[in-house]
Amino acid sequence: MTDTSDPQAGLVPFRNRINNLDNQLVEILSKRLSICTEVARYKRERGIAMMQPDRVAEVIARCSEFGAKRGLRREFTESLYGLIIGEACELEAAIIGENKVS
């Protein structure tokens, strides 16, 4: 039998699962940005321009499609990756020493 005295208590298992996934998302984002640091150093050492518009478009399109196949709205995925790529560009700009191109 389920205890209905505190309906909020029933949310705890869901919140714990969400918290676990949030931790995994942050861990993955940290790893992604760590790789972006390596990319920025590689670009700096070889004189490669920071901004790679074709690559940005490719990543957003690929992830948007991947997300859509898993029930995510394309607009959501595109917005999310806009934020992720924006942070990566800020990181690259700091390492490469270029002004961020908006």
N, C-alpha and C. Protein backbone atom coordinates (compact mmCIF):
# COMPACT_ATOMS: atom_id res chain seq x y z
N MET A 1 0.83 -1.17 0.00
CA MET A 1 0.00 0.00 0.00
C MET A 1 0.89 1.25 0.00
N THR A 2 0.46 2.26 -0.74
CA THR A 2 1.21 3.51 -0.84
C THR A 2 0.75 4.49 0.22
N ASP A 3 1.69 5.14 0.87
CA ASP A 3 1.38 6.15 1.89
C ASP A 3 0.96 7.42 1.17
N THR A 4 -0.28 7.84 1.37
CA THR A 4 -0.80 9.05 0.72
C THR A 4 -0.85 10.23 1.67
N SER A 5 -0.27 10.09 2.88
CA SER A 5 -0.32 11.18 3.85
C SER A 5 0.50 12.39 3.39
N ASP A 6 1.55 12.16 2.65
CA ASP A 6 2.39 13.26 2.14
C ASP A 6 2.65 13.02 0.66
N PRO A 7 1.81 13.60 -0.20
CA PRO A 7 2.00 13.37 -1.64
C PRO A 7 3.37 13.81 -2.15
N GLN A 8 3.98 14.80 -1.50
CA GLN A 8 5.31 15.27 -1.91
C GLN A 8 6.36 14.17 -1.75
N ALA A 9 6.17 13.33 -0.74
CA ALA A 9 7.14 12.26 -0.49
C ALA A 9 7.23 11.31 -1.68
N GLY A 10 6.15 11.18 -2.40
CA GLY A 10 6.15 10.31 -3.58
C GLY A 10 7.04 10.83 -4.70
N LEU A 11 7.40 12.10 -4.63
CA LEU A 11 8.26 12.70 -5.64
C LEU A 11 9.74 12.39 -5.41
N VAL A 12 10.10 12.02 -4.21
CA VAL A 12 11.50 11.82 -3.85
C VAL A 12 12.21 10.83 -4.78
N PRO A 13 11.63 9.66 -5.07
CA PRO A 13 12.34 8.74 -5.97
C PRO A 13 12.57 9.33 -7.37
N PHE A 14 11.59 10.07 -7.86
CA PHE A 14 11.75 10.71 -9.18
C PHE A 14 12.85 11.77 -9.13
N ARG A 15 12.83 12.56 -8.08
CA ARG A 15 13.84 13.62 -7.93
C ARG A 15 15.23 13.03 -7.79
N ASN A 16 15.34 11.92 -7.08
CA ASN A 16 16.65 11.27 -6.96
C ASN A 16 17.15 10.80 -8.32
N ARG A 17 16.27 10.24 -9.12
CA ARG A 17 16.66 9.80 -10.47
C ARG A 17 17.08 10.98 -11.33
N ILE A 18 16.31 12.07 -11.24
CA ILE A 18 16.65 13.27 -12.01
C ILE A 18 17.99 13.85 -11.54
N ASN A 19 18.20 13.89 -10.23
CA ASN A 19 19.48 14.39 -9.70
C ASN A 19 20.65 13.57 -10.22
N ASN A 20 20.47 12.27 -10.26
CA ASN A 20 21.51 11.38 -10.78
C ASN A 20 21.82 11.71 -12.23
N LEU A 21 20.77 11.89 -13.02
CA LEU A 21 20.98 12.24 -14.44
C LEU A 21 21.61 13.62 -14.58
N ASP A 22 21.20 14.57 -13.76
CA ASP A 22 21.81 15.90 -13.79
C ASP A 22 23.31 15.82 -13.51
N ASN A 23 23.68 15.01 -12.53
CA ASN A 23 25.10 14.84 -12.23
C ASN A 23 25.84 14.26 -13.43
N GLN A 24 25.23 13.30 -14.11
CA GLN A 24 25.85 12.71 -15.29
C GLN A 24 25.98 13.73 -16.42
N LEU A 25 24.95 14.56 -16.60
CA LEU A 25 25.01 15.60 -17.63
C LEU A 25 26.15 16.58 -17.37
N VAL A 26 26.29 17.01 -16.12
CA VAL A 26 27.36 17.95 -15.78
C VAL A 26 28.72 17.30 -15.99
N GLU A 27 28.84 16.05 -15.61
CA GLU A 27 30.10 15.32 -15.80
C GLU A 27 30.44 15.23 -17.29
N ILE A 28 29.47 14.92 -18.11
CA ILE A 28 29.69 14.81 -19.56
C ILE A 28 30.04 16.18 -20.15
N LEU A 29 29.35 17.23 -19.72
CA LEU A 29 29.67 18.57 -20.22
C LEU A 29 31.09 18.97 -19.83
N SER A 30 31.49 18.62 -18.62
CA SER A 30 32.85 18.92 -18.18
C SER A 30 33.86 18.20 -19.07
N LYS A 31 33.61 16.95 -19.38
CA LYS A 31 34.51 16.19 -20.26
C LYS A 31 34.53 16.79 -21.66
N ARG A 32 33.37 17.21 -22.15
CA ARG A 32 33.30 17.81 -23.49
C ARG A 32 34.13 19.08 -23.55
N LEU A 33 33.99 19.92 -22.53
CA LEU A 33 34.74 21.17 -22.52
C LEU A 33 36.24 20.93 -22.31
N SER A 34 36.59 19.88 -21.64
CA SER A 34 37.99 19.52 -21.50
C SER A 34 38.59 19.18 -22.87
N ILE A 35 37.83 18.47 -23.67
CA ILE A 35 38.28 18.16 -25.03
C ILE A 35 38.37 19.44 -25.85
N CYS A 36 37.42 20.36 -25.64
CA CYS A 36 37.47 21.64 -26.35
C CYS A 36 38.73 22.42 -25.99
N THR A 37 39.20 22.28 -24.77
CA THR A 37 40.46 22.90 -24.36
C THR A 37 41.61 22.33 -25.19
N GLU A 38 41.62 21.02 -25.36
CA GLU A 38 42.65 20.39 -26.19
C GLU A 38 42.57 20.88 -27.64
N VAL A 39 41.35 21.01 -28.14
CA VAL A 39 41.15 21.50 -29.52
C VAL A 39 41.69 22.92 -29.65
N ALA A 40 41.39 23.77 -28.66
CA ALA A 40 41.86 25.16 -28.70
C ALA A 40 43.38 25.23 -28.72
N ARG A 41 44.02 24.42 -27.91
CA ARG A 41 45.49 24.41 -27.90
C ARG A 41 46.03 23.93 -29.24
N TYR A 42 45.41 22.92 -29.80
CA TYR A 42 45.81 22.40 -31.12
C TYR A 42 45.68 23.50 -32.17
N LYS A 43 44.55 24.20 -32.16
CA LYS A 43 44.33 25.30 -33.12
C LYS A 43 45.36 26.41 -32.92
N ARG A 44 45.62 26.77 -31.65
CA ARG A 44 46.58 27.85 -31.37
C ARG A 44 47.97 27.49 -31.89
N GLU A 45 48.39 26.25 -31.62
CA GLU A 45 49.73 25.81 -32.03
C GLU A 45 49.89 25.76 -33.54
N ARG A 46 48.81 25.56 -34.25
CA ARG A 46 48.88 25.41 -35.71
C ARG A 46 48.31 26.59 -36.48
N GLY A 47 47.92 27.65 -35.77
CA GLY A 47 47.41 28.84 -36.43
C GLY A 47 46.06 28.64 -37.11
N ILE A 48 45.26 27.73 -36.59
CA ILE A 48 43.93 27.46 -37.15
C ILE A 48 42.95 28.43 -36.53
N ALA A 49 42.08 29.00 -37.35
CA ALA A 49 41.08 29.95 -36.86
C ALA A 49 40.17 29.31 -35.84
N MET A 50 39.80 30.09 -34.84
CA MET A 50 38.94 29.59 -33.79
C MET A 50 37.57 29.19 -34.34
N MET A 51 36.94 30.09 -35.04
CA MET A 51 35.58 29.85 -35.53
C MET A 51 35.61 28.91 -36.73
N GLN A 52 34.80 27.88 -36.65
CA GLN A 52 34.64 26.90 -37.71
C GLN A 52 33.13 26.78 -37.97
N PRO A 53 32.54 27.74 -38.68
CA PRO A 53 31.07 27.77 -38.85
C PRO A 53 30.49 26.48 -39.43
N ASP A 54 31.19 25.86 -40.35
CA ASP A 54 30.67 24.60 -40.93
C ASP A 54 30.59 23.52 -39.86
N ARG A 55 31.58 23.45 -38.98
CA ARG A 55 31.58 22.45 -37.91
C ARG A 55 30.45 22.73 -36.93
N VAL A 56 30.24 23.99 -36.60
CA VAL A 56 29.15 24.36 -35.68
C VAL A 56 27.81 23.91 -36.27
N ALA A 57 27.59 24.23 -37.53
CA ALA A 57 26.34 23.85 -38.19
C ALA A 57 26.18 22.33 -38.24
N GLU A 58 27.27 21.63 -38.49
CA GLU A 58 27.25 20.17 -38.54
C GLU A 58 26.86 19.57 -37.19
N VAL A 59 27.45 20.07 -36.12
CA VAL A 59 27.16 19.55 -34.77
C VAL A 59 25.70 19.81 -34.41
N ILE A 60 25.24 21.02 -34.65
CA ILE A 60 23.85 21.35 -34.31
C ILE A 60 22.88 20.50 -35.11
N ALA A 61 23.13 20.34 -36.40
CA ALA A 61 22.24 19.52 -37.24
C ALA A 61 22.24 18.07 -36.79
N ARG A 62 23.43 17.53 -36.53
CA ARG A 62 23.54 16.12 -36.12
C ARG A 62 22.83 15.88 -34.80
N CYS A 63 23.07 16.76 -33.84
CA CYS A 63 22.46 16.57 -32.52
C CYS A 63 20.96 16.84 -32.54
N SER A 64 20.54 17.77 -33.36
CA SER A 64 19.11 18.05 -33.51
C SER A 64 18.38 16.83 -34.08
N GLU A 65 18.98 16.21 -35.06
CA GLU A 65 18.41 15.00 -35.66
C GLU A 65 18.41 13.86 -34.65
N PHE A 66 19.51 13.67 -33.95
CA PHE A 66 19.63 12.62 -32.94
C PHE A 66 18.58 12.80 -31.85
N GLY A 67 18.43 14.04 -31.39
CA GLY A 67 17.43 14.34 -30.37
C GLY A 67 16.01 14.13 -30.85
N ALA A 68 15.74 14.53 -32.09
CA ALA A 68 14.39 14.37 -32.64
C ALA A 68 13.99 12.90 -32.69
N LYS A 69 14.95 12.05 -33.00
CA LYS A 69 14.66 10.61 -33.04
C LYS A 69 14.38 10.04 -31.65
N ARG A 70 14.73 10.81 -30.62
CA ARG A 70 14.50 10.37 -29.24
C ARG A 70 13.42 11.20 -28.55
N GLY A 71 12.64 11.91 -29.36
CA GLY A 71 11.48 12.63 -28.82
C GLY A 71 11.74 14.04 -28.33
N LEU A 72 12.93 14.57 -28.59
CA LEU A 72 13.22 15.95 -28.18
C LEU A 72 12.85 16.91 -29.30
N ARG A 73 12.31 18.05 -28.91
CA ARG A 73 12.00 19.08 -29.91
C ARG A 73 13.30 19.61 -30.51
N ARG A 74 13.30 19.77 -31.81
CA ARG A 74 14.50 20.29 -32.50
C ARG A 74 14.91 21.64 -31.95
N GLU A 75 13.94 22.50 -31.67
CA GLU A 75 14.23 23.84 -31.16
C GLU A 75 14.96 23.76 -29.82
N PHE A 76 14.54 22.82 -28.98
CA PHE A 76 15.19 22.64 -27.69
C PHE A 76 16.64 22.21 -27.88
N THR A 77 16.85 21.20 -28.71
CA THR A 77 18.21 20.69 -28.92
C THR A 77 19.10 21.74 -29.56
N GLU A 78 18.56 22.48 -30.53
CA GLU A 78 19.35 23.53 -31.17
C GLU A 78 19.71 24.62 -30.17
N SER A 79 18.77 24.98 -29.31
CA SER A 79 19.04 26.00 -28.29
C SER A 79 20.08 25.50 -27.28
N LEU A 80 19.92 24.26 -26.84
CA LEU A 80 20.87 23.67 -25.91
C LEU A 80 22.27 23.65 -26.50
N TYR A 81 22.39 23.20 -27.74
CA TYR A 81 23.72 23.15 -28.34
C TYR A 81 24.26 24.52 -28.67
N GLY A 82 23.39 25.50 -28.86
CA GLY A 82 23.85 26.87 -29.00
C GLY A 82 24.57 27.32 -27.74
N LEU A 83 24.00 26.97 -26.58
CA LEU A 83 24.64 27.30 -25.30
C LEU A 83 25.95 26.55 -25.11
N ILE A 84 25.94 25.26 -25.40
CA ILE A 84 27.14 24.45 -25.23
C ILE A 84 28.26 24.94 -26.14
N ILE A 85 27.95 25.18 -27.38
CA ILE A 85 28.96 25.64 -28.33
C ILE A 85 29.41 27.06 -27.98
N GLY A 86 28.49 27.89 -27.50
CA GLY A 86 28.86 29.23 -27.07
C GLY A 86 29.89 29.20 -25.94
N GLU A 87 29.69 28.30 -25.00
CA GLU A 87 30.66 28.15 -23.90
C GLU A 87 31.99 27.64 -24.42
N ALA A 88 31.95 26.70 -25.35
CA ALA A 88 33.18 26.18 -25.94
C ALA A 88 33.93 27.29 -26.68
N CYS A 89 33.19 28.17 -27.36
CA CYS A 89 33.83 29.29 -28.06
C CYS A 89 34.48 30.26 -27.09
N GLU A 90 33.82 30.52 -25.97
CA GLU A 90 34.41 31.39 -24.94
C GLU A 90 35.71 30.78 -24.43
N LEU A 91 35.70 29.50 -24.20
CA LEU A 91 36.88 28.79 -23.72
C LEU A 91 37.99 28.86 -24.76
N GLU A 92 37.66 28.58 -26.00
CA GLU A 92 38.66 28.64 -27.07
C GLU A 92 39.22 30.04 -27.21
N ALA A 93 38.35 31.04 -27.14
CA ALA A 93 38.81 32.44 -27.28
C ALA A 93 39.82 32.78 -26.19
N ALA A 94 39.57 32.32 -24.98
CA ALA A 94 40.50 32.60 -23.88
C ALA A 94 41.85 31.93 -24.12
N ILE A 95 41.84 30.75 -24.70
CA ILE A 95 43.09 30.00 -24.93
C ILE A 95 43.81 30.52 -26.17
N ILE A 96 43.06 30.74 -27.22
CA ILE A 96 43.67 31.16 -28.49
C ILE A 96 44.00 32.65 -28.45
N GLY A 97 43.23 33.42 -27.67
CA GLY A 97 43.50 34.83 -27.55
C GLY A 97 42.78 35.66 -28.59
N GLU A 98 41.72 35.13 -29.13
CA GLU A 98 40.93 35.88 -30.11
C GLU A 98 39.69 36.40 -29.42
N ASN A 99 39.14 37.47 -29.97
CA ASN A 99 37.86 37.95 -29.48
C ASN A 99 36.79 37.00 -30.01
N LYS A 100 35.80 36.71 -29.15
CA LYS A 100 34.72 35.82 -29.57
C LYS A 100 33.97 36.47 -30.71
N VAL A 101 33.69 35.70 -31.74
CA VAL A 101 32.90 36.19 -32.87
C VAL A 101 31.46 35.80 -32.62
N SER A 102 30.58 36.80 -32.55
CA SER A 102 29.16 36.52 -32.29
C SER A 102 28.41 36.34 -33.57
